[in-house]
Amino acid sequence: MTGKKLLIAAALLLAGIAFIYARRPPPLEVDTYTLAAGEVRASVSNTRVGTVKACRRAYLAPATGGQVAALHVKEGDKVGQGQVLLEVWNQDLKAQVALQKAQIQTSRASAEQTCQLAGGAEREAARMSKLQQRNNVVSEEQVDKSLTGGKSQRAACRAALRTIGVAEAQLAVAEAAVQRTLVRAPFDGTVAEVNAELGEFVTPSPPGIPTLPPIDLLDLSCLTVSAPIDEVDVARIRTGMPACVSLDAFPDKRCSGVVTRVAPMCWKRRSRRGPWKWK
């Protein structure tokens, strides 16, 4: 009987061990890494959310007010530097440009005629002088009149040429007035927002009174992240250091930044219980 009891006890023990082994949790999966000698680096992280900004942003408005006559872009368009984005009604100014161009053509024709007459008067004066020197066929008074007439015509020619320069300067003024009605892209970028419609009246923003710009242009080829850093870590940050930025939209791109600027400002409180303020 005693041997039989021992066998039963051993069987129960083995069954209990098998039951416990079957109920044990599965082994944990772990990642293994091979350590090697290398540089020990320290990192600094901020505890607050930063702000992503474009390196360049321009709120564009025409230099002169007027009705929107042409809107050449829409939101999301890629534009190049110098491209016309918006045009204010300027038919009167373009008419002035055409008028000045016609005036230049008239001045050139008049100058050519005057200069041709001056050349003829100078040649006539030279012939009169030769005749007077050879055989005194003409009087000295006639020679003097011929010389004076030639000089007068040459002066009129120079005045006519100066008139062309004046007309060209007036044309430049008229063209500059037309350019003031155009909104051009100051750099290559993307149109982020358009706040104007055809026929609407737009004006430049008065000094000290911010108004909604007709066109908001961004340069997305370069982005900056403005992020606050704890005061205890500020002294350890230098420009040129690699920066890891985590964005929800791009989780795979982290360490793709560089510290370009450390703002010369700090947080201070006016009183012990007051809020923190930039100073």
Protein backbone atom coordinates (compact mmCIF):
# COMPACT_ATOMS: atom_id res chain seq x y z
CA MET A 1 0.00 0.00 0.00
CA THR A 2 2.80 2.34 0.85
CA GLY A 3 4.37 1.91 -2.59
CA LYS A 4 1.04 2.46 -4.23
CA LYS A 5 0.55 5.72 -2.30
CA LEU A 6 3.98 6.90 -3.36
CA LEU A 7 3.15 6.26 -7.00
CA ILE A 8 -0.12 8.15 -6.69
CA ALA A 9 1.63 11.08 -4.99
CA ALA A 10 4.30 11.15 -7.69
CA ALA A 11 1.64 11.06 -10.42
CA LEU A 12 -0.26 13.91 -8.77
CA LEU A 13 2.98 15.90 -8.46
CA LEU A 14 3.81 15.38 -12.12
CA ALA A 15 0.26 16.34 -13.13
CA GLY A 16 0.50 19.53 -11.06
CA ILE A 17 3.84 20.40 -12.60
CA ALA A 18 2.45 19.77 -16.09
CA PHE A 19 -0.61 21.91 -15.32
CA ILE A 20 1.52 24.79 -14.04
CA TYR A 21 3.87 24.52 -17.05
CA ALA A 22 0.91 24.60 -19.43
CA ARG A 23 -0.55 27.72 -17.76
CA ARG A 24 2.68 29.70 -17.69
CA PRO A 25 2.75 32.91 -19.86
CA PRO A 26 4.61 32.78 -23.19
CA PRO A 27 8.19 34.06 -23.15
CA LEU A 28 8.72 37.76 -23.83
CA GLU A 29 10.13 38.81 -27.20
CA VAL A 30 13.14 41.07 -26.84
CA ASP A 31 15.39 42.89 -29.29
CA THR A 32 19.07 42.23 -28.95
CA TYR A 33 21.76 44.78 -29.75
CA THR A 34 25.48 44.49 -29.99
CA LEU A 35 27.27 47.21 -28.06
CA ALA A 36 30.42 48.79 -29.38
CA ALA A 37 32.75 51.56 -28.28
CA GLY A 38 31.64 55.01 -29.43
CA GLU A 39 31.03 58.64 -28.54
CA VAL A 40 28.77 59.37 -25.60
CA ARG A 41 26.27 62.07 -26.54
CA ALA A 42 23.93 64.15 -24.45
CA SER A 43 20.56 65.36 -25.68
CA VAL A 44 18.24 68.18 -24.68
CA SER A 45 14.49 68.00 -25.23
CA ASN A 46 11.81 70.61 -24.77
CA THR A 47 8.69 70.05 -22.72
CA ARG A 48 6.40 72.26 -24.81
CA VAL A 49 5.11 72.15 -28.37
CA GLY A 50 6.94 74.19 -31.01
CA THR A 51 5.67 76.04 -34.07
CA VAL A 52 6.57 75.21 -37.68
CA LYS A 53 7.07 78.25 -39.91
CA ALA A 54 8.23 78.86 -43.47
CA CYS A 55 11.64 80.47 -43.82
CA ARG A 56 10.11 83.24 -45.93
CA ARG A 57 6.56 84.51 -45.93
CA ALA A 58 5.18 87.57 -47.68
CA TYR A 59 1.81 89.26 -47.31
CA LEU A 60 1.45 90.85 -50.74
CA ALA A 61 -0.71 93.83 -51.65
CA PRO A 62 -0.55 96.36 -54.51
CA ALA A 63 1.31 99.61 -53.94
CA THR A 64 -1.76 101.54 -55.07
CA GLY A 65 -5.43 100.89 -54.48
CA GLY A 66 -7.98 99.99 -57.10
CA GLN A 67 -10.28 97.32 -58.49
CA VAL A 68 -8.90 93.84 -59.09
CA ALA A 69 -8.81 93.52 -62.89
CA ALA A 70 -6.93 90.21 -63.16
CA LEU A 71 -6.17 87.44 -60.69
CA HIS A 72 -3.61 85.07 -62.18
CA VAL A 73 -3.20 82.54 -59.33
CA LYS A 74 -5.25 80.47 -56.92
CA GLU A 75 -4.48 78.86 -53.58
CA GLY A 76 -1.86 76.14 -53.83
CA ASP A 77 -0.25 77.37 -57.07
CA LYS A 78 3.53 77.26 -57.42
CA VAL A 79 4.90 80.61 -58.63
CA GLY A 80 8.29 81.91 -59.68
CA GLN A 81 10.10 85.07 -58.69
CA GLY A 82 8.80 88.08 -60.62
CA GLN A 83 5.60 86.36 -61.78
CA VAL A 84 2.52 88.61 -61.86
CA LEU A 85 -0.02 87.36 -59.32
CA LEU A 86 -2.62 90.14 -59.27
CA GLU A 87 -3.34 93.22 -61.38
CA VAL A 88 -5.31 96.32 -60.41
CA TRP A 89 -7.25 98.21 -63.09
CA ASN A 90 -4.67 100.36 -64.90
CA GLN A 91 -5.97 101.05 -68.41
CA ASP A 92 -5.49 104.79 -67.95
CA LEU A 93 -1.85 104.29 -66.94
CA LYS A 94 -1.22 101.96 -69.88
CA ALA A 95 -2.70 104.62 -72.17
CA GLN A 96 -0.16 107.07 -70.72
CA VAL A 97 2.61 104.60 -71.58
CA ALA A 98 1.35 104.32 -75.16
CA LEU A 99 1.13 108.12 -75.40
CA GLN A 100 4.71 108.54 -74.19
CA LYS A 101 5.97 105.97 -76.70
CA ALA A 102 4.27 107.89 -79.50
CA GLN A 103 5.78 111.10 -78.16
CA ILE A 104 9.25 109.54 -78.30
CA GLN A 105 8.75 108.59 -81.94
CA THR A 106 7.60 112.14 -82.76
CA SER A 107 10.57 113.64 -80.91
CA ARG A 108 13.00 111.40 -82.78
CA ALA A 109 11.53 112.39 -86.16
CA SER A 110 11.65 116.06 -85.23
CA ALA A 111 15.23 115.75 -83.99
CA GLU A 112 16.27 114.03 -87.21
CA GLN A 113 14.77 116.85 -89.28
CA THR A 114 16.40 119.54 -87.16
CA CYS A 115 19.79 117.86 -87.25
CA GLN A 116 19.59 117.47 -91.04
CA LEU A 117 18.87 121.21 -91.38
CA ALA A 118 21.76 121.95 -89.05
CA GLY A 119 24.11 119.90 -91.22
CA GLY A 120 22.95 121.72 -94.35
CA ALA A 121 23.39 125.14 -92.70
CA GLU A 122 26.91 124.24 -91.59
CA ARG A 123 27.88 123.09 -95.07
CA GLU A 124 26.43 126.28 -96.57
CA ALA A 125 28.42 128.35 -94.08
CA ALA A 126 31.61 126.48 -95.01
CA ARG A 127 31.06 127.17 -98.74
CA MET A 128 30.41 130.85 -98.09
CA SER A 129 33.64 131.09 -96.11
CA LYS A 130 35.67 129.50 -98.94
CA LEU A 131 34.16 131.86 -101.52
CA GLN A 132 34.92 134.88 -99.38
CA GLN A 133 38.52 133.76 -98.86
CA ARG A 134 39.19 133.07 -102.59
CA ASN A 135 37.77 135.97 -104.53
CA ASN A 136 35.62 138.04 -102.19
CA VAL A 137 32.47 137.20 -104.20
CA VAL A 138 30.38 137.27 -101.03
CA SER A 139 30.51 139.86 -98.32
CA GLU A 140 31.79 139.29 -94.84
CA GLU A 141 28.31 140.00 -93.48
CA GLN A 142 26.83 137.12 -95.52
CA VAL A 143 29.51 134.78 -94.24
CA ASP A 144 28.79 135.82 -90.67
CA LYS A 145 25.08 135.19 -91.14
CA SER A 146 25.77 131.74 -92.59
CA LEU A 147 28.04 130.79 -89.69
CA THR A 148 25.50 132.05 -87.15
CA GLY A 149 22.70 130.16 -88.89
CA GLY A 150 24.71 126.93 -88.85
CA LYS A 151 25.49 127.26 -85.15
CA SER A 152 21.85 128.05 -84.38
CA GLN A 153 20.63 124.99 -86.28
CA ARG A 154 23.19 122.79 -84.49
CA ALA A 155 21.95 124.10 -81.13
CA ALA A 156 18.39 123.32 -82.18
CA CYS A 157 19.54 119.79 -83.07
CA ARG A 158 21.00 119.28 -79.60
CA ALA A 159 17.80 120.60 -78.03
CA ALA A 160 15.73 118.17 -80.11
CA LEU A 161 17.93 115.27 -78.96
CA ARG A 162 17.46 116.37 -75.35
CA THR A 163 13.72 116.33 -75.95
CA ILE A 164 13.98 112.63 -76.77
CA GLY A 165 15.66 112.04 -73.40
CA VAL A 166 12.88 113.92 -71.61
CA ALA A 167 10.23 111.85 -73.40
CA GLU A 168 12.03 108.62 -72.46
CA ALA A 169 12.17 109.71 -68.81
CA GLN A 170 8.43 110.44 -68.90
CA LEU A 171 7.89 106.97 -70.36
CA ALA A 172 9.82 105.45 -67.44
CA VAL A 173 7.59 107.34 -65.00
CA ALA A 174 4.46 106.05 -66.73
CA GLU A 175 5.76 102.48 -66.76
CA ALA A 176 6.62 102.73 -63.04
CA ALA A 177 3.05 103.83 -62.35
CA VAL A 178 1.82 100.72 -64.16
CA GLN A 179 4.15 98.52 -62.12
CA ARG A 180 2.64 99.90 -58.91
CA THR A 181 -0.66 98.31 -59.91
CA LEU A 182 0.90 94.84 -60.27
CA VAL A 183 1.58 92.34 -57.49
CA ARG A 184 4.64 90.23 -58.33
CA ALA A 185 6.11 87.29 -56.43
CA PRO A 186 9.26 88.44 -54.58
CA PHE A 187 10.58 84.86 -54.49
CA ASP A 188 9.77 81.34 -55.65
CA GLY A 189 7.01 79.97 -53.47
CA THR A 190 3.52 78.60 -52.99
CA VAL A 191 0.34 80.66 -52.78
CA ALA A 192 -1.05 79.85 -49.34
CA GLU A 193 -4.12 82.09 -49.40
CA VAL A 194 -5.95 84.45 -51.77
CA ASN A 195 -8.19 87.06 -50.15
CA ALA A 196 -9.33 88.92 -53.27
CA GLU A 197 -11.86 88.43 -56.05
CA LEU A 198 -12.26 89.99 -59.47
CA GLY A 199 -13.95 93.38 -59.21
CA GLU A 200 -13.17 93.86 -55.53
CA PHE A 201 -11.45 97.02 -54.36
CA VAL A 202 -8.08 96.44 -52.69
CA THR A 203 -5.84 98.92 -50.93
CA PRO A 204 -2.36 98.75 -49.39
CA SER A 205 -2.29 98.40 -45.63
CA PRO A 206 -2.11 101.85 -43.93
CA PRO A 207 0.74 102.37 -41.44
CA GLY A 208 -0.14 100.89 -38.07
CA ILE A 209 -3.42 99.36 -39.29
CA PRO A 210 -2.93 95.74 -40.38
CA THR A 211 -5.40 94.60 -43.02
CA LEU A 212 -5.98 91.23 -44.67
CA PRO A 213 -3.48 90.91 -47.55
CA PRO A 214 -4.84 89.94 -50.98
CA ILE A 215 -2.19 87.23 -51.39
CA ASP A 216 -0.23 85.22 -48.81
CA LEU A 217 2.95 83.68 -50.29
CA LEU A 218 5.12 81.02 -48.59
CA ASP A 219 8.56 79.64 -49.40
CA LEU A 220 8.24 75.99 -48.40
CA SER A 221 11.71 75.00 -49.59
CA CYS A 222 12.93 75.69 -46.06
CA LEU A 223 11.09 75.31 -42.75
CA THR A 224 11.97 76.52 -39.27
CA VAL A 225 10.71 75.26 -35.94
CA SER A 226 10.43 77.71 -33.07
CA ALA A 227 10.44 75.73 -29.81
CA PRO A 228 10.88 76.87 -26.20
CA ILE A 229 13.64 75.17 -24.19
CA ASP A 230 13.86 74.81 -20.42
CA GLU A 231 16.09 77.37 -18.76
CA VAL A 232 18.42 74.74 -17.29
CA ASP A 233 19.21 73.43 -20.78
CA VAL A 234 19.61 76.70 -22.68
CA ALA A 235 23.33 77.07 -21.93
CA ARG A 236 24.06 73.70 -23.56
CA ILE A 237 22.58 74.65 -26.95
CA ARG A 238 24.76 76.06 -29.72
CA THR A 239 24.07 76.96 -33.34
CA GLY A 240 25.02 74.22 -35.77
CA MET A 241 23.99 71.37 -33.47
CA PRO A 242 21.82 68.63 -35.03
CA ALA A 243 18.18 68.85 -34.00
CA CYS A 244 15.57 66.10 -33.95
CA VAL A 245 12.08 67.33 -34.73
CA SER A 246 9.08 65.06 -34.32
CA LEU A 247 6.06 65.82 -36.52
CA ASP A 248 2.80 63.90 -36.51
CA ALA A 249 2.57 64.17 -40.29
CA PHE A 250 6.10 62.77 -40.83
CA PRO A 251 6.88 60.29 -38.03
CA ASP A 252 9.87 58.78 -39.88
CA LYS A 253 11.74 62.08 -40.24
CA ARG A 254 13.20 63.05 -36.90
CA CYS A 255 16.84 64.07 -36.85
CA SER A 256 16.73 66.21 -39.96
CA GLY A 257 17.23 69.70 -38.52
CA VAL A 258 20.02 72.03 -37.42
CA VAL A 259 19.99 74.69 -34.72
CA THR A 260 20.23 77.99 -36.61
CA ARG A 261 19.48 80.51 -33.88
CA VAL A 262 19.19 80.79 -30.12
CA ALA A 263 16.88 83.68 -29.24
CA PRO A 264 18.47 86.23 -26.87
CA MET A 265 15.41 86.22 -24.61
CA CYS A 266 14.36 84.45 -21.42
CA TRP A 267 11.23 83.88 -19.40
CA LYS A 268 10.85 86.05 -16.29
CA ARG A 269 8.08 86.76 -13.83
CA ARG A 270 7.23 90.20 -12.61
CA SER A 271 6.26 88.76 -9.22
CA ARG A 272 6.40 85.38 -7.50
CA ARG A 273 2.75 84.66 -8.22
CA GLY A 274 2.55 86.43 -11.58
CA PRO A 275 2.62 84.79 -15.00
CA TRP A 276 5.82 84.19 -16.95
CA LYS A 277 6.59 86.88 -19.52
CA TRP A 278 9.12 87.21 -22.31
CA LYS A 279 11.69 89.86 -21.47
